[in-house]
Amino acid sequence: MVMIKVNIHQAKTHLSRYLTRVAAGETVVVCNRNVPVAEIRPVPRRRSTRRPIGLGKGTFTVPPAFFEPLSEDELDTWTGKAG
């Protein structure tokens, strides 16, 4: 990973130049009097392919108790009536 250190004045003066390098994958560390205060790094790229569906099929089974009604105490907890 390539990292560039620049002071605030350099960053303000040449921001578009540094953003071009960030877009190419580099990270720019902005310093105040040579003390790092911020990083400018590339935003993760969006997926170019669709996510596959069903990769976890068969790895989890919903238990029958999941479909049973909740008790009054549990309902009160979920609805904010429990106190």
N, C-alpha and C. Protein backbone atom coordinates (compact mmCIF):
# COMPACT_ATOMS: atom_id res chain seq x y z
N MET A 1 0.84 -1.17 0.00
CA MET A 1 0.00 0.00 0.00
C MET A 1 0.89 1.24 0.00
N VAL A 2 0.67 2.12 -0.95
CA VAL A 2 1.45 3.35 -1.06
C VAL A 2 0.77 4.41 -0.21
N MET A 3 1.55 5.15 0.60
CA MET A 3 1.01 6.18 1.45
C MET A 3 1.83 7.45 1.27
N ILE A 4 1.14 8.57 1.08
CA ILE A 4 1.79 9.85 0.90
C ILE A 4 1.47 10.70 2.12
N LYS A 5 2.48 11.39 2.69
CA LYS A 5 2.26 12.31 3.80
C LYS A 5 2.39 13.74 3.29
N VAL A 6 1.37 14.56 3.56
CA VAL A 6 1.40 15.97 3.14
C VAL A 6 0.90 16.83 4.29
N ASN A 7 1.38 18.06 4.35
CA ASN A 7 0.87 19.00 5.33
C ASN A 7 -0.37 19.68 4.77
N ILE A 8 -1.13 20.32 5.64
CA ILE A 8 -2.42 20.90 5.26
C ILE A 8 -2.26 21.86 4.08
N HIS A 9 -1.27 22.72 4.11
CA HIS A 9 -1.07 23.69 3.03
C HIS A 9 -0.87 22.98 1.69
N GLN A 10 -0.05 21.93 1.67
CA GLN A 10 0.16 21.17 0.43
C GLN A 10 -1.15 20.53 -0.03
N ALA A 11 -1.91 19.97 0.92
CA ALA A 11 -3.17 19.30 0.58
C ALA A 11 -4.15 20.29 -0.04
N LYS A 12 -4.24 21.50 0.53
CA LYS A 12 -5.16 22.50 -0.01
C LYS A 12 -4.69 22.98 -1.38
N THR A 13 -3.41 23.18 -1.53
CA THR A 13 -2.88 23.70 -2.78
C THR A 13 -2.99 22.71 -3.93
N HIS A 14 -2.80 21.43 -3.64
CA HIS A 14 -2.74 20.40 -4.70
C HIS A 14 -3.79 19.31 -4.50
N LEU A 15 -4.97 19.69 -3.99
CA LEU A 15 -5.99 18.68 -3.67
C LEU A 15 -6.35 17.81 -4.87
N SER A 16 -6.57 18.41 -6.03
CA SER A 16 -6.97 17.60 -7.19
C SER A 16 -5.88 16.62 -7.58
N ARG A 17 -4.62 17.00 -7.45
CA ARG A 17 -3.51 16.10 -7.76
C ARG A 17 -3.54 14.89 -6.81
N TYR A 18 -3.75 15.16 -5.52
CA TYR A 18 -3.78 14.06 -4.54
C TYR A 18 -5.01 13.18 -4.73
N LEU A 19 -6.14 13.78 -5.09
CA LEU A 19 -7.34 12.97 -5.32
C LEU A 19 -7.17 12.04 -6.52
N THR A 20 -6.41 12.47 -7.51
CA THR A 20 -6.12 11.60 -8.65
C THR A 20 -5.33 10.39 -8.19
N ARG A 21 -4.37 10.62 -7.29
CA ARG A 21 -3.56 9.50 -6.79
C ARG A 21 -4.39 8.59 -5.89
N VAL A 22 -5.30 9.19 -5.10
CA VAL A 22 -6.18 8.38 -4.25
C VAL A 22 -7.07 7.50 -5.13
N ALA A 23 -7.60 8.06 -6.20
CA ALA A 23 -8.44 7.28 -7.11
C ALA A 23 -7.67 6.11 -7.71
N ALA A 24 -6.33 6.24 -7.79
CA ALA A 24 -5.50 5.16 -8.32
C ALA A 24 -5.15 4.13 -7.26
N GLY A 25 -5.61 4.35 -6.01
CA GLY A 25 -5.41 3.35 -4.96
C GLY A 25 -4.47 3.76 -3.85
N GLU A 26 -3.88 4.94 -3.92
CA GLU A 26 -2.96 5.38 -2.88
C GLU A 26 -3.73 6.01 -1.72
N THR A 27 -3.07 6.14 -0.57
CA THR A 27 -3.64 6.79 0.60
C THR A 27 -2.82 8.03 0.90
N VAL A 28 -3.52 9.13 1.19
CA VAL A 28 -2.85 10.38 1.53
C VAL A 28 -3.10 10.65 3.01
N VAL A 29 -2.02 10.86 3.76
CA VAL A 29 -2.13 11.21 5.17
C VAL A 29 -1.91 12.72 5.27
N VAL A 30 -2.91 13.42 5.80
CA VAL A 30 -2.82 14.87 5.95
C VAL A 30 -2.31 15.16 7.36
N CYS A 31 -1.28 16.00 7.43
CA CYS A 31 -0.63 16.30 8.70
C CYS A 31 -0.78 17.78 9.04
N ASN A 32 -0.83 18.06 10.33
CA ASN A 32 -0.79 19.42 10.84
C ASN A 32 0.52 19.55 11.58
N ARG A 33 1.45 20.33 11.01
CA ARG A 33 2.81 20.46 11.57
C ARG A 33 3.46 19.09 11.74
N ASN A 34 3.36 18.30 10.72
CA ASN A 34 3.96 16.95 10.64
C ASN A 34 3.36 15.93 11.59
N VAL A 35 2.19 16.25 12.16
CA VAL A 35 1.47 15.30 13.02
C VAL A 35 0.24 14.84 12.24
N PRO A 36 0.13 13.54 11.95
CA PRO A 36 -1.01 13.05 11.17
C PRO A 36 -2.35 13.37 11.85
N VAL A 37 -3.29 13.90 11.04
CA VAL A 37 -4.61 14.22 11.57
C VAL A 37 -5.74 13.57 10.77
N ALA A 38 -5.46 13.16 9.54
CA ALA A 38 -6.52 12.57 8.71
C ALA A 38 -5.92 11.73 7.60
N GLU A 39 -6.75 10.82 7.08
CA GLU A 39 -6.38 10.01 5.93
C GLU A 39 -7.40 10.22 4.83
N ILE A 40 -6.92 10.32 3.63
CA ILE A 40 -7.80 10.31 2.46
C ILE A 40 -7.47 9.03 1.71
N ARG A 41 -8.47 8.15 1.60
CA ARG A 41 -8.23 6.87 0.94
C ARG A 41 -9.37 6.55 0.01
N PRO A 42 -9.17 5.64 -0.91
CA PRO A 42 -10.21 5.33 -1.90
C PRO A 42 -11.44 4.71 -1.24
N VAL A 43 -12.58 5.03 -1.80
CA VAL A 43 -13.83 4.42 -1.37
C VAL A 43 -13.88 3.02 -1.99
N PRO A 44 -14.31 2.01 -1.22
CA PRO A 44 -14.40 0.67 -1.81
C PRO A 44 -15.28 0.67 -3.06
N ARG A 45 -14.84 -0.04 -4.06
CA ARG A 45 -15.58 -0.10 -5.32
C ARG A 45 -16.81 -0.99 -5.16
N ARG A 46 -17.83 -0.65 -5.91
CA ARG A 46 -19.05 -1.47 -5.91
C ARG A 46 -18.78 -2.77 -6.64
N ARG A 47 -19.53 -3.80 -6.27
CA ARG A 47 -19.39 -5.09 -6.94
C ARG A 47 -19.76 -4.95 -8.41
N SER A 48 -19.01 -5.62 -9.26
CA SER A 48 -19.32 -5.59 -10.68
C SER A 48 -20.18 -6.80 -11.07
N THR A 49 -20.27 -7.76 -10.17
CA THR A 49 -21.10 -8.94 -10.44
C THR A 49 -22.16 -9.05 -9.35
N ARG A 50 -23.23 -9.72 -9.66
CA ARG A 50 -24.30 -9.93 -8.68
C ARG A 50 -23.86 -10.93 -7.62
N ARG A 51 -24.36 -10.72 -6.41
CA ARG A 51 -24.05 -11.67 -5.34
C ARG A 51 -24.75 -13.00 -5.61
N PRO A 52 -24.04 -14.09 -5.37
CA PRO A 52 -24.69 -15.39 -5.56
C PRO A 52 -25.72 -15.64 -4.45
N ILE A 53 -26.82 -16.24 -4.81
CA ILE A 53 -27.89 -16.53 -3.85
C ILE A 53 -27.82 -18.00 -3.46
N GLY A 54 -28.04 -18.27 -2.19
CA GLY A 54 -28.15 -19.64 -1.73
C GLY A 54 -26.85 -20.29 -1.30
N LEU A 55 -25.82 -19.51 -1.00
CA LEU A 55 -24.55 -20.11 -0.59
C LEU A 55 -24.65 -20.84 0.75
N GLY A 56 -25.56 -20.39 1.61
CA GLY A 56 -25.69 -21.02 2.93
C GLY A 56 -26.82 -22.03 3.01
N LYS A 57 -27.39 -22.39 1.87
CA LYS A 57 -28.53 -23.31 1.87
C LYS A 57 -28.17 -24.62 2.55
N GLY A 58 -29.03 -25.02 3.49
CA GLY A 58 -28.83 -26.29 4.18
C GLY A 58 -27.93 -26.19 5.40
N THR A 59 -27.41 -25.00 5.71
CA THR A 59 -26.53 -24.88 6.88
C THR A 59 -27.28 -24.46 8.12
N PHE A 60 -28.56 -24.09 7.99
CA PHE A 60 -29.35 -23.67 9.15
C PHE A 60 -30.77 -24.15 8.97
N THR A 61 -31.35 -24.63 10.06
CA THR A 61 -32.74 -25.08 10.06
C THR A 61 -33.49 -24.26 11.09
N VAL A 62 -34.62 -23.69 10.70
CA VAL A 62 -35.43 -22.92 11.62
C VAL A 62 -36.14 -23.90 12.55
N PRO A 63 -35.95 -23.74 13.88
CA PRO A 63 -36.59 -24.66 14.82
C PRO A 63 -38.10 -24.42 14.86
N PRO A 64 -38.89 -25.47 15.13
CA PRO A 64 -40.35 -25.32 15.19
C PRO A 64 -40.80 -24.28 16.22
N ALA A 65 -40.04 -24.11 17.30
CA ALA A 65 -40.42 -23.15 18.35
C ALA A 65 -40.43 -21.71 17.82
N PHE A 66 -39.73 -21.45 16.74
CA PHE A 66 -39.69 -20.13 16.15
C PHE A 66 -41.09 -19.66 15.75
N PHE A 67 -41.94 -20.59 15.33
CA PHE A 67 -43.26 -20.26 14.83
C PHE A 67 -44.33 -20.23 15.92
N GLU A 68 -43.97 -20.57 17.14
CA GLU A 68 -44.94 -20.55 18.25
C GLU A 68 -45.14 -19.12 18.73
N PRO A 69 -46.34 -18.79 19.19
CA PRO A 69 -46.60 -17.43 19.68
C PRO A 69 -45.73 -17.10 20.90
N LEU A 70 -45.43 -15.81 21.06
CA LEU A 70 -44.66 -15.36 22.22
C LEU A 70 -45.54 -15.30 23.45
N SER A 71 -44.93 -15.44 24.61
CA SER A 71 -45.68 -15.32 25.85
C SER A 71 -46.04 -13.84 26.06
N GLU A 72 -46.97 -13.57 26.98
CA GLU A 72 -47.37 -12.18 27.27
C GLU A 72 -46.18 -11.35 27.74
N ASP A 73 -45.32 -11.94 28.58
CA ASP A 73 -44.14 -11.21 29.07
C ASP A 73 -43.21 -10.83 27.93
N GLU A 74 -42.98 -11.76 27.01
CA GLU A 74 -42.11 -11.48 25.86
C GLU A 74 -42.73 -10.41 24.95
N LEU A 75 -44.05 -10.48 24.75
CA LEU A 75 -44.73 -9.47 23.93
C LEU A 75 -44.59 -8.09 24.57
N ASP A 76 -44.78 -8.03 25.90
CA ASP A 76 -44.65 -6.76 26.60
C ASP A 76 -43.24 -6.20 26.46
N THR A 77 -42.24 -7.07 26.50
CA THR A 77 -40.84 -6.63 26.35
C THR A 77 -40.62 -6.05 24.96
N TRP A 78 -41.13 -6.73 23.93
CA TRP A 78 -40.92 -6.27 22.55
C TRP A 78 -41.70 -4.99 22.25
N THR A 79 -42.87 -4.81 22.86
CA THR A 79 -43.69 -3.64 22.56
C THR A 79 -43.38 -2.46 23.50
N GLY A 80 -42.49 -2.68 24.48
CA GLY A 80 -42.12 -1.60 25.38
C GLY A 80 -43.04 -1.43 26.56
N LYS A 81 -43.93 -2.37 26.81
CA LYS A 81 -44.87 -2.28 27.93
C LYS A 81 -44.28 -2.82 29.22
N ALA A 82 -43.18 -3.57 29.11
CA ALA A 82 -42.57 -4.14 30.32
C ALA A 82 -41.86 -3.02 31.07
N GLY A 83 -41.90 -3.14 32.36
CA GLY A 83 -41.40 -2.02 33.03
C GLY A 83 -40.41 -2.02 34.04
